[in-house]
PDB file of N, CA and C in Angstrom:
ATOM      1  N   MET A   1     163.594   9.874  68.817  1.00  0.00           N
ATOM      2  CA  MET A   1     162.942   9.001  69.765  1.00  0.00           C
ATOM      3  C   MET A   1     161.972   8.113  68.994  1.00  0.00           C
ATOM      4  N   SER A   2     161.966   6.835  69.324  1.00  0.00           N
ATOM      5  CA  SER A   2     161.091   5.895  68.625  1.00  0.00           C
ATOM      6  C   SER A   2     159.641   6.116  69.035  1.00  0.00           C
ATOM      7  N   THR A   3     158.741   5.666  68.167  1.00  0.00           N
ATOM      8  CA  THR A   3     157.315   5.768  68.448  1.00  0.00           C
ATOM      9  C   THR A   3     156.960   5.008  69.715  1.00  0.00           C
ATOM     10  N   ASP A   4     157.570   3.843  69.919  1.00  0.00           N
ATOM     11  CA  ASP A   4     157.296   3.053  71.117  1.00  0.00           C
ATOM     12  C   ASP A   4     157.663   3.821  72.381  1.00  0.00           C
ATOM     13  N   LYS A   5     158.796   4.499  72.355  1.00  0.00           N
ATOM     14  CA  LYS A   5     159.236   5.255  73.534  1.00  0.00           C
ATOM     15  C   LYS A   5     158.291   6.419  73.819  1.00  0.00           C
ATOM     16  N   ARG A   6     157.809   7.114  72.762  1.00  0.00           N
ATOM     17  CA  ARG A   6     156.867   8.221  72.947  1.00  0.00           C
ATOM     18  C   ARG A   6     155.561   7.723  73.538  1.00  0.00           C
ATOM     19  N   LEU A   7     155.077   6.566  73.070  1.00  0.00           N
ATOM     20  CA  LEU A   7     153.850   5.996  73.621  1.00  0.00           C
ATOM     21  C   LEU A   7     154.036   5.634  75.083  1.00  0.00           C
ATOM     22  N   GLU A   8     155.196   5.094  75.387  1.00  0.00           N
ATOM     23  CA  GLU A   8     155.505   4.732  76.768  1.00  0.00           C
ATOM     24  C   GLU A   8     155.526   5.980  77.656  1.00  0.00           C
ATOM     25  N   ILE A   9     156.149   7.031  77.205  1.00  0.00           N
ATOM     26  CA  ILE A   9     156.199   8.285  77.972  1.00  0.00           C
ATOM     27  C   ILE A   9     154.794   8.858  78.137  1.00  0.00           C
ATOM     28  N   GLY A  10     153.974   8.749  77.114  1.00  0.00           N
ATOM     29  CA  GLY A  10     152.607   9.253  77.187  1.00  0.00           C
ATOM     30  C   GLY A  10     151.763   8.570  78.238  1.00  0.00           C
ATOM     31  N   ASN A  11     152.164   7.375  78.635  1.00  0.00           N
ATOM     32  CA  ASN A  11     151.443   6.632  79.668  1.00  0.00           C
ATOM     33  C   ASN A  11     152.055   6.801  81.055  1.00  0.00           C
ATOM     34  N   THR A  12     153.042   7.652  81.188  1.00  0.00           N
ATOM     35  CA  THR A  12     153.701   7.871  82.476  1.00  0.00           C
ATOM     36  C   THR A  12     152.681   8.345  83.510  1.00  0.00           C
ATOM     37  N   PRO A  13     152.638   7.726  84.693  1.00  0.00           N
ATOM     38  CA  PRO A  13     151.729   8.189  85.744  1.00  0.00           C
ATOM     39  C   PRO A  13     152.017   9.658  86.060  1.00  0.00           C
ATOM     40  N   SER A  14     150.932  10.437  86.165  1.00  0.00           N
ATOM     41  CA  SER A  14     151.106  11.879  86.330  1.00  0.00           C
ATOM     42  C   SER A  14     149.987  12.464  87.185  1.00  0.00           C
ATOM     43  N   ALA A  15     150.243  13.653  87.689  1.00  0.00           N
ATOM     44  CA  ALA A  15     149.237  14.426  88.421  1.00  0.00           C
ATOM     45  C   ALA A  15     149.276  15.848  87.879  1.00  0.00           C
ATOM     46  N   LEU A  16     148.101  16.406  87.645  1.00  0.00           N
ATOM     47  CA  LEU A  16     147.960  17.753  87.113  1.00  0.00           C
ATOM     48  C   LEU A  16     147.126  18.581  88.070  1.00  0.00           C
ATOM     49  N   ALA A  17     147.703  19.651  88.587  1.00  0.00           N
ATOM     50  CA  ALA A  17     146.933  20.635  89.355  1.00  0.00           C
ATOM     51  C   ALA A  17     146.587  21.743  88.375  1.00  0.00           C
ATOM     52  N   ILE A  18     145.293  21.990  88.197  1.00  0.00           N
ATOM     53  CA  ILE A  18     144.861  22.954  87.195  1.00  0.00           C
ATOM     54  C   ILE A  18     143.890  23.963  87.802  1.00  0.00           C
ATOM     55  N   GLN A  19     144.130  25.213  87.469  1.00  0.00           N
ATOM     56  CA  GLN A  19     143.270  26.320  87.885  1.00  0.00           C
ATOM     57  C   GLN A  19     142.910  27.105  86.634  1.00  0.00           C
ATOM     58  N   VAL A  20     141.625  27.240  86.373  1.00  0.00           N
ATOM     59  CA  VAL A  20     141.181  27.998  85.210  1.00  0.00           C
ATOM     60  C   VAL A  20     140.484  29.266  85.703  1.00  0.00           C
ATOM     61  N   LEU A  21     140.886  30.392  85.130  1.00  0.00           N
ATOM     62  CA  LEU A  21     140.346  31.683  85.549  1.00  0.00           C
ATOM     63  C   LEU A  21     139.660  32.369  84.380  1.00  0.00           C
ATOM     64  N   PRO A  22     138.314  32.387  84.387  1.00  0.00           N
ATOM     65  CA  PRO A  22     137.606  33.174  83.388  1.00  0.00           C
ATOM     66  C   PRO A  22     137.752  34.660  83.765  1.00  0.00           C
ATOM     67  N   LEU A  23     138.376  35.427  82.922  1.00  0.00           N
ATOM     68  CA  LEU A  23     138.629  36.842  83.223  1.00  0.00           C
ATOM     69  C   LEU A  23     137.593  37.722  82.528  1.00  0.00           C
ATOM     70  N   GLY A  24     137.303  38.846  83.147  1.00  0.00           N
ATOM     71  CA  GLY A  24     136.350  39.778  82.567  1.00  0.00           C
ATOM     72  C   GLY A  24     134.902  39.415  82.849  1.00  0.00           C
ATOM     73  N   ILE A  25     134.671  38.606  83.854  1.00  0.00           N
ATOM     74  CA  ILE A  25     133.319  38.201  84.232  1.00  0.00           C
ATOM     75  C   ILE A  25     133.009  38.812  85.601  1.00  0.00           C
ATOM     76  N   PRO A  26     132.295  39.923  85.653  1.00  0.00           N
ATOM     77  CA  PRO A  26     132.068  40.591  86.935  1.00  0.00           C
ATOM     78  C   PRO A  26     131.038  39.891  87.833  1.00  0.00           C
ATOM     79  N   GLU A  27     130.120  39.116  87.248  1.00  0.00           N
ATOM     80  CA  GLU A  27     129.082  38.469  88.052  1.00  0.00           C
ATOM     81  C   GLU A  27     129.601  37.157  88.634  1.00  0.00           C
ATOM     82  N   ARG A  28     129.585  37.064  89.946  1.00  0.00           N
ATOM     83  CA  ARG A  28     130.121  35.884  90.644  1.00  0.00           C
ATOM     84  C   ARG A  28     129.428  34.603  90.191  1.00  0.00           C
ATOM     85  N   GLU A  29     128.106  34.612  90.095  1.00  0.00           N
ATOM     86  CA  GLU A  29     127.376  33.401  89.724  1.00  0.00           C
ATOM     87  C   GLU A  29     127.749  32.922  88.323  1.00  0.00           C
ATOM     88  N   LYS A  30     127.892  33.854  87.393  1.00  0.00           N
ATOM     89  CA  LYS A  30     128.283  33.481  86.022  1.00  0.00           C
ATOM     90  C   LYS A  30     129.697  32.905  86.016  1.00  0.00           C
ATOM     91  N   LEU A  31     130.589  33.513  86.781  1.00  0.00           N
ATOM     92  CA  LEU A  31     131.960  33.017  86.876  1.00  0.00           C
ATOM     93  C   LEU A  31     131.971  31.595  87.442  1.00  0.00           C
ATOM     94  N   TRP A  32     131.214  31.361  88.507  1.00  0.00           N
ATOM     95  CA  TRP A  32     131.173  30.029  89.107  1.00  0.00           C
ATOM     96  C   TRP A  32     130.557  29.006  88.161  1.00  0.00           C
ATOM     97  N   GLU A  33     129.571  29.429  87.350  1.00  0.00           N
ATOM     98  CA  GLU A  33     129.002  28.518  86.346  1.00  0.00           C
ATOM     99  C   GLU A  33     130.076  28.075  85.350  1.00  0.00           C
ATOM    100  N   MET A  34     130.946  29.000  84.968  1.00  0.00           N
ATOM    101  CA  MET A  34     132.022  28.669  84.037  1.00  0.00           C
ATOM    102  C   MET A  34     133.010  27.693  84.672  1.00  0.00           C
ATOM    103  N   VAL A  35     133.312  27.891  85.932  1.00  0.00           N
ATOM    104  CA  VAL A  35     134.203  26.969  86.648  1.00  0.00           C
ATOM    105  C   VAL A  35     133.533  25.602  86.763  1.00  0.00           C
ATOM    106  N   ASP A  36     132.212  25.586  87.021  1.00  0.00           N
ATOM    107  CA  ASP A  36     131.486  24.309  87.062  1.00  0.00           C
ATOM    108  C   ASP A  36     131.601  23.577  85.732  1.00  0.00           C
ATOM    109  N   ARG A  37     131.531  24.302  84.635  1.00  0.00           N
ATOM    110  CA  ARG A  37     131.673  23.672  83.312  1.00  0.00           C
ATOM    111  C   ARG A  37     133.079  23.096  83.135  1.00  0.00           C
ATOM    112  N   ALA A  38     134.068  23.799  83.654  1.00  0.00           N
ATOM    113  CA  ALA A  38     135.443  23.289  83.589  1.00  0.00           C
ATOM    114  C   ALA A  38     135.557  21.974  84.353  1.00  0.00           C
ATOM    115  N   ILE A  39     134.944  21.911  85.520  1.00  0.00           N
ATOM    116  CA  ILE A  39     134.999  20.684  86.324  1.00  0.00           C
ATOM    117  C   ILE A  39     134.222  19.565  85.630  1.00  0.00           C
ATOM    118  N   GLN A  40     133.135  19.901  84.944  1.00  0.00           N
ATOM    119  CA  GLN A  40     132.399  18.893  84.170  1.00  0.00           C
ATOM    120  C   GLN A  40     133.289  18.319  83.061  1.00  0.00           C
ATOM    121  N   ALA A  41     134.110  19.168  82.445  1.00  0.00           N
ATOM    122  CA  ALA A  41     135.039  18.692  81.409  1.00  0.00           C
ATOM    123  C   ALA A  41     136.062  17.733  82.009  1.00  0.00           C
ATOM    124  N   ILE A  42     136.509  18.028  83.214  1.00  0.00           N
ATOM    125  CA  ILE A  42     137.440  17.127  83.904  1.00  0.00           C
ATOM    126  C   ILE A  42     136.738  15.807  84.199  1.00  0.00           C
ATOM    127  N   ASP A  43     135.530  15.882  84.722  1.00  0.00           N
ATOM    128  CA  ASP A  43     134.768  14.686  85.068  1.00  0.00           C
ATOM    129  C   ASP A  43     134.540  13.796  83.841  1.00  0.00           C
ATOM    130  N   ALA A  44     134.284  14.417  82.708  1.00  0.00           N
ATOM    131  CA  ALA A  44     134.021  13.668  81.466  1.00  0.00           C
ATOM    132  C   ALA A  44     135.221  12.836  81.025  1.00  0.00           C
ATOM    133  N   ALA A  45     136.414  13.186  81.491  1.00  0.00           N
ATOM    134  CA  ALA A  45     137.613  12.431  81.119  1.00  0.00           C
ATOM    135  C   ALA A  45     137.677  11.070  81.807  1.00  0.00           C
ATOM    136  N   GLY A  46     136.900  10.897  82.873  1.00  0.00           N
ATOM    137  CA  GLY A  46     136.856   9.611  83.555  1.00  0.00           C
ATOM    138  C   GLY A  46     138.063   9.302  84.423  1.00  0.00           C
ATOM    139  N   LEU A  47     138.821  10.332  84.779  1.00  0.00           N
ATOM    140  CA  LEU A  47     140.008  10.150  85.618  1.00  0.00           C
ATOM    141  C   LEU A  47     139.698  10.514  87.065  1.00  0.00           C
ATOM    142  N   SER A  48     140.558  10.083  87.967  1.00  0.00           N
ATOM    143  CA  SER A  48     140.428  10.449  89.373  1.00  0.00           C
ATOM    144  C   SER A  48     140.792  11.918  89.543  1.00  0.00           C
ATOM    145  N   TYR A  49     139.980  12.660  90.323  1.00  0.00           N
ATOM    146  CA  TYR A  49     140.292  14.065  90.563  1.00  0.00           C
ATOM    147  C   TYR A  49     139.770  14.510  91.920  1.00  0.00           C
ATOM    148  N   THR A  50     140.380  15.568  92.429  1.00  0.00           N
ATOM    149  CA  THR A  50     139.997  16.167  93.693  1.00  0.00           C
ATOM    150  C   THR A  50     139.821  17.659  93.476  1.00  0.00           C
ATOM    151  N   VAL A  51     138.624  18.152  93.775  1.00  0.00           N
ATOM    152  CA  VAL A  51     138.336  19.581  93.621  1.00  0.00           C
ATOM    153  C   VAL A  51     138.725  20.301  94.904  1.00  0.00           C
ATOM    154  N   GLY A  52     139.473  21.386  94.750  1.00  0.00           N
ATOM    155  CA  GLY A  52     139.824  22.252  95.863  1.00  0.00           C
ATOM    156  C   GLY A  52     139.285  23.650  95.592  1.00  0.00           C
ATOM    157  N   PRO A  53     139.416  24.543  96.546  1.00  0.00           N
ATOM    158  CA  PRO A  53     138.863  25.885  96.359  1.00  0.00           C
ATOM    159  C   PRO A  53     139.619  26.726  95.327  1.00  0.00           C
ATOM    160  N   PHE A  54     140.855  26.392  95.047  1.00  0.00           N
ATOM    161  CA  PHE A  54     141.654  27.194  94.120  1.00  0.00           C
ATOM    162  C   PHE A  54     142.126  26.428  92.886  1.00  0.00           C
ATOM    163  N   GLU A  55     142.120  25.094  92.963  1.00  0.00           N
ATOM    164  CA  GLU A  55     142.561  24.281  91.842  1.00  0.00           C
ATOM    165  C   GLU A  55     141.997  22.883  91.999  1.00  0.00           C
ATOM    166  N   THR A  56     142.027  22.148  90.908  1.00  0.00           N
ATOM    167  CA  THR A  56     141.601  20.754  90.911  1.00  0.00           C
ATOM    168  C   THR A  56     142.805  19.911  90.515  1.00  0.00           C
ATOM    169  N   VAL A  57     143.007  18.813  91.230  1.00  0.00           N
ATOM    170  CA  VAL A  57     144.108  17.907  90.930  1.00  0.00           C
ATOM    171  C   VAL A  57     143.538  16.671  90.243  1.00  0.00           C
ATOM    172  N   VAL A  58     144.079  16.362  89.075  1.00  0.00           N
ATOM    173  CA  VAL A  58     143.635  15.234  88.263  1.00  0.00           C
ATOM    174  C   VAL A  58     144.799  14.255  88.141  1.00  0.00           C
ATOM    175  N   GLU A  59     144.496  12.966  88.238  1.00  0.00           N
ATOM    176  CA  GLU A  59     145.529  11.933  88.138  1.00  0.00           C
ATOM    177  C   GLU A  59     145.276  11.041  86.939  1.00  0.00           C
ATOM    178  N   GLY A  60     146.342  10.682  86.246  1.00  0.00           N
ATOM    179  CA  GLY A  60     146.209   9.786  85.105  1.00  0.00           C
ATOM    180  C   GLY A  60     147.459   9.781  84.266  1.00  0.00           C
ATOM    181  N   PRO A  61     147.393   9.154  83.098  1.00  0.00           N
ATOM    182  CA  PRO A  61     148.546   9.135  82.199  1.00  0.00           C
ATOM    183  C   PRO A  61     148.817  10.529  81.625  1.00  0.00           C
ATOM    184  N   LEU A  62     150.068  10.818  81.405  1.00  0.00           N
ATOM    185  CA  LEU A  62     150.512  12.134  80.952  1.00  0.00           C
ATOM    186  C   LEU A  62     149.720  12.652  79.756  1.00  0.00           C
ATOM    187  N   ASP A  63     149.636  11.870  78.693  1.00  0.00           N
ATOM    188  CA  ASP A  63     148.948  12.348  77.489  1.00  0.00           C
ATOM    189  C   ASP A  63     147.490  12.683  77.762  1.00  0.00           C
ATOM    190  N   LYS A  64     146.825  11.888  78.574  1.00  0.00           N
ATOM    191  CA  LYS A  64     145.414  12.131  78.887  1.00  0.00           C
ATOM    192  C   LYS A  64     145.269  13.436  79.684  1.00  0.00           C
ATOM    193  N   LEU A  65     146.193  13.693  80.595  1.00  0.00           N
ATOM    194  CA  LEU A  65     146.122  14.928  81.383  1.00  0.00           C
ATOM    195  C   LEU A  65     146.324  16.158  80.508  1.00  0.00           C
ATOM    196  N   LEU A  66     147.194  16.057  79.524  1.00  0.00           N
ATOM    197  CA  LEU A  66     147.385  17.185  78.606  1.00  0.00           C
ATOM    198  C   LEU A  66     146.123  17.429  77.779  1.00  0.00           C
ATOM    199  N   GLU A  67     145.441  16.353  77.415  1.00  0.00           N
ATOM    200  CA  GLU A  67     144.166  16.488  76.711  1.00  0.00           C
ATOM    201  C   GLU A  67     143.117  17.147  77.612  1.00  0.00           C
ATOM    202  N   VAL A  68     143.088  16.752  78.875  1.00  0.00           N
ATOM    203  CA  VAL A  68     142.141  17.339  79.836  1.00  0.00           C
ATOM    204  C   VAL A  68     142.395  18.832  79.987  1.00  0.00           C
ATOM    205  N   ALA A  69     143.664  19.221  80.100  1.00  0.00           N
ATOM    206  CA  ALA A  69     143.994  20.641  80.246  1.00  0.00           C
ATOM    207  C   ALA A  69     143.478  21.452  79.061  1.00  0.00           C
ATOM    208  N   ALA A  70     143.674  20.939  77.857  1.00  0.00           N
ATOM    209  CA  ALA A  70     143.182  21.637  76.659  1.00  0.00           C
ATOM    210  C   ALA A  70     141.660  21.698  76.658  1.00  0.00           C
ATOM    211  N   ALA A  71     141.003  20.598  77.036  1.00  0.00           N
ATOM    212  CA  ALA A  71     139.541  20.566  77.053  1.00  0.00           C
ATOM    213  C   ALA A  71     138.972  21.565  78.055  1.00  0.00           C
ATOM    214  N   VAL A  72     139.593  21.659  79.212  1.00  0.00           N
ATOM    215  CA  VAL A  72     139.130  22.598  80.238  1.00  0.00           C
ATOM    216  C   VAL A  72     139.254  24.034  79.732  1.00  0.00           C
ATOM    217  N   HIS A  73     140.382  24.370  79.184  1.00  0.00           N
ATOM    218  CA  HIS A  73     140.618  25.727  78.686  1.00  0.00           C
ATOM    219  C   HIS A  73     139.608  26.069  77.581  1.00  0.00           C
ATOM    220  N   ARG A  74     139.433  25.156  76.642  1.00  0.00           N
ATOM    221  CA  ARG A  74     138.493  25.377  75.535  1.00  0.00           C
ATOM    222  C   ARG A  74     137.053  25.489  76.028  1.00  0.00           C
ATOM    223  N   THR A  75     136.704  24.680  77.016  1.00  0.00           N
ATOM    224  CA  THR A  75     135.344  24.697  77.561  1.00  0.00           C
ATOM    225  C   THR A  75     134.999  26.065  78.128  1.00  0.00           C
ATOM    226  N   VAL A  76     135.923  26.651  78.867  1.00  0.00           N
ATOM    227  CA  VAL A  76     135.643  27.954  79.475  1.00  0.00           C
ATOM    228  C   VAL A  76     135.600  29.046  78.408  1.00  0.00           C
ATOM    229  N   LEU A  77     136.452  28.974  77.418  1.00  0.00           N
ATOM    230  CA  LEU A  77     136.363  29.924  76.299  1.00  0.00           C
ATOM    231  C   LEU A  77     135.007  29.801  75.608  1.00  0.00           C
ATOM    232  N   ALA A  78     134.580  28.573  75.362  1.00  0.00           N
ATOM    233  CA  ALA A  78     133.314  28.334  74.666  1.00  0.00           C
ATOM    234  C   ALA A  78     132.108  28.758  75.498  1.00  0.00           C
ATOM    235  N   SER A  79     132.293  28.834  76.818  1.00  0.00           N
ATOM    236  CA  SER A  79     131.176  29.226  77.686  1.00  0.00           C
ATOM    237  C   SER A  79     130.959  30.740  77.706  1.00  0.00           C
ATOM    238  N   GLY A  80     131.819  31.483  76.996  1.00  0.00           N
ATOM    239  CA  GLY A  80     131.600  32.918  76.865  1.00  0.00           C
ATOM    240  C   GLY A  80     132.582  33.820  77.575  1.00  0.00           C
ATOM    241  N   ALA A  81     133.597  33.254  78.210  1.00  0.00           N
ATOM    242  CA  ALA A  81     134.592  34.106  78.862  1.00  0.00           C
ATOM    243  C   ALA A  81     135.388  34.855  77.797  1.00  0.00           C
ATOM    244  N   PRO A  82     135.519  36.181  77.926  1.00  0.00           N
ATOM    245  CA  PRO A  82     136.270  36.923  76.923  1.00  0.00           C
ATOM    246  C   PRO A  82     137.767  36.600  76.948  1.00  0.00           C
ATOM    247  N   THR A  83     138.267  36.233  78.113  1.00  0.00           N
ATOM    248  CA  THR A  83     139.670  35.883  78.288  1.00  0.00           C
ATOM    249  C   THR A  83     139.749  34.764  79.323  1.00  0.00           C
ATOM    250  N   VAL A  84     140.629  33.801  79.097  1.00  0.00           N
ATOM    251  CA  VAL A  84     140.797  32.696  80.042  1.00  0.00           C
ATOM    252  C   VAL A  84     142.285  32.509  80.328  1.00  0.00           C
ATOM    253  N   ALA A  85     142.614  32.418  81.600  1.00  0.00           N
ATOM    254  CA  ALA A  85     143.977  32.078  82.016  1.00  0.00           C
ATOM    255  C   ALA A  85     143.909  30.719  82.711  1.00  0.00           C
ATOM    256  N   THR A  86     144.760  29.793  82.292  1.00  0.00           N
ATOM    257  CA  THR A  86     144.819  28.474  82.910  1.00  0.00           C
ATOM    258  C   THR A  86     146.218  28.266  83.459  1.00  0.00           C
ATOM    259  N   TYR A  87     146.269  27.973  84.759  1.00  0.00           N
ATOM    260  CA  TYR A  87     147.545  27.730  85.437  1.00  0.00           C
ATOM    261  C   TYR A  87     147.634  26.244  85.752  1.00  0.00           C
ATOM    262  N   MET A  88     148.805  25.655  85.475  1.00  0.00           N
ATOM    263  CA  MET A  88     148.978  24.222  85.667  1.00  0.00           C
ATOM    264  C   MET A  88     150.288  23.904  86.365  1.00  0.00           C
ATOM    265  N   LYS A  89     150.228  22.868  87.190  1.00  0.00           N
ATOM    266  CA  LYS A  89     151.422  22.243  87.746  1.00  0.00           C
ATOM    267  C   LYS A  89     151.319  20.776  87.349  1.00  0.00           C
ATOM    268  N   LEU A  90     152.347  20.261  86.722  1.00  0.00           N
ATOM    269  CA  LEU A  90     152.317  18.904  86.201  1.00  0.00           C
ATOM    270  C   LEU A  90     153.490  18.121  86.772  1.00  0.00           C
ATOM    271  N   TRP A  91     153.191  16.952  87.331  1.00  0.00           N
ATOM    272  CA  TRP A  91     154.207  16.104  87.932  1.00  0.00           C
ATOM    273  C   TRP A  91     154.056  14.719  87.324  1.00  0.00           C
ATOM    274  N   SER A  92     155.140  14.166  86.797  1.00  0.00           N
ATOM    275  CA  SER A  92     155.094  12.860  86.143  1.00  0.00           C
ATOM    276  C   SER A  92     156.245  11.983  86.611  1.00  0.00           C
ATOM    277  N   GLY A  93     155.980  10.691  86.706  1.00  0.00           N
ATOM    278  CA  GLY A  93     157.035   9.743  87.042  1.00  0.00           C
ATOM    279  C   GLY A  93     156.502   8.587  87.855  1.00  0.00           C
ATOM    280  N   GLU A  94     157.321   7.588  87.975  1.00  0.00           N
ATOM    281  CA  GLU A  94     156.943   6.413  88.753  1.00  0.00           C
ATOM    282  C   GLU A  94     156.973   6.748  90.239  1.00  0.00           C
ATOM    283  N   GLY A  95     156.042   6.199  90.980  1.00  0.00           N
ATOM    284  CA  GLY A  95     156.043   6.332  92.434  1.00  0.00           C
ATOM    285  C   GLY A  95     155.708   7.718  92.950  1.00  0.00           C
ATOM    286  N   ILE A  96     154.951   8.510  92.184  1.00  0.00           N
ATOM    287  CA  ILE A  96     154.647   9.873  92.654  1.00  0.00           C
ATOM    288  C   ILE A  96     153.558   9.895  93.719  1.00  0.00           C
ATOM    289  N   GLY A  97     152.871   8.785  93.913  1.00  0.00           N
ATOM    290  CA  GLY A  97     151.821   8.717  94.920  1.00  0.00           C
ATOM    291  C   GLY A  97     150.520   9.312  94.408  1.00  0.00           C
ATOM    292  N   THR A  98     149.437   8.972  95.085  1.00  0.00           N
ATOM    293  CA  THR A  98     148.116   9.460  94.703  1.00  0.00           C
ATOM    294  C   THR A  98     147.694  10.599  95.632  1.00  0.00           C
ATOM    295  N   ASN A  99     146.646  11.297  95.237  1.00  0.00           N
ATOM    296  CA  ASN A  99     146.088  12.339  96.107  1.00  0.00           C
ATOM    297  C   ASN A  99     145.739  11.768  97.473  1.00  0.00           C
ATOM    298  N   THR A 100     145.114  10.604  97.468  1.00  0.00           N
ATOM    299  CA  THR A 100     144.692   9.981  98.719  1.00  0.00           C
ATOM    300  C   THR A 100     145.892   9.668  99.605  1.00  0.00           C
ATOM    301  N   GLU A 101     146.940   9.120  99.024  1.00  0.00           N
ATOM    302  CA  GLU A 101     148.134   8.800  99.811  1.00  0.00           C
ATOM    303  C   GLU A 101     148.739  10.050 100.438  1.00  0.00           C
ATOM    304  N   LYS A 102     148.688  11.145  99.706  1.00  0.00           N
ATOM    305  CA  LYS A 102     149.320  12.376 100.177  1.00  0.00           C
ATOM    306  C   LYS A 102     148.483  13.129 101.204  1.00  0.00           C
ATOM    307  N   THR A 103     147.169  12.914 101.190  1.00  0.00           N
ATOM    308  CA  THR A 103     146.310  13.747 102.045  1.00  0.00           C
ATOM    309  C   THR A 103     145.508  12.991 103.094  1.00  0.00           C
ATOM    310  N   ALA A 104     145.487  11.659 103.047  1.00  0.00           N
ATOM    311  CA  ALA A 104     144.618  10.864 103.929  1.00  0.00           C
ATOM    312  C   ALA A 104     144.812  11.187 105.411  1.00  0.00           C
ATOM    313  N   LYS A 105     146.050  11.346 105.841  1.00  0.00           N
ATOM    314  CA  LYS A 105     146.274  11.574 107.281  1.00  0.00           C
ATOM    315  C   LYS A 105     145.695  12.911 107.735  1.00  0.00           C
ATOM    316  N   TYR A 106     145.553  13.855 106.814  1.00  0.00           N
ATOM    317  CA  TYR A 106     144.950  15.150 107.151  1.00  0.00           C
ATOM    318  C   TYR A 106     143.428  15.081 107.074  1.00  0.00           C
ATOM    319  N   ARG A 107     142.917  14.360 106.090  1.00  0.00           N
ATOM    320  CA  ARG A 107     141.461  14.211 105.926  1.00  0.00           C
ATOM    321  C   ARG A 107     140.852  13.528 107.136  1.00  0.00           C
ATOM    322  N   VAL A 108     141.547  12.515 107.667  1.00  0.00           N
ATOM    323  CA  VAL A 108     141.068  11.798 108.844  1.00  0.00           C
ATOM    324  C   VAL A 108     140.889  12.751 110.023  1.00  0.00           C
ATOM    325  N   ARG A 109     141.734  13.747 110.099  1.00  0.00           N
ATOM    326  CA  ARG A 109     141.665  14.727 111.197  1.00  0.00           C
ATOM    327  C   ARG A 109     140.722  15.889 110.870  1.00  0.00           C
ATOM    328  N   GLY A 110     140.030  15.798 109.715  1.00  0.00           N
ATOM    329  CA  GLY A 110     139.057  16.825 109.377  1.00  0.00           C
ATOM    330  C   GLY A 110     139.609  18.018 108.629  1.00  0.00           C
ATOM    331  N   HIS A 111     140.800  17.875 108.076  1.00  0.00           N
ATOM    332  CA  HIS A 111     141.412  19.004 107.337  1.00  0.00           C
ATOM    333  C   HIS A 111     141.377  18.768 105.861  1.00  0.00           C
TER     334      HIS A 111
END
């Protein structure tokens, strides 16, 4: 594959649903602080994102989302979690729609 084609693929519009689980942290407040740090790492990427109770959905170019996933995982490890599990769902392609497009009709109704 040519370098141009790889660069083009790296810019493919994408959405990443990411859930990071700091394991071995019995104190709820400490665990939530680690999750807050993960969300700060997402925010630092400057991409559009939506925080949910179980995962955060981030939108942007494919390569940038893969960088965000690595940064989030590393951030939680660096915050002192003895073990970290990161679960991801990644969707890429033209016309995949945005979070807002997919959820607006429910948000208007208060859901």
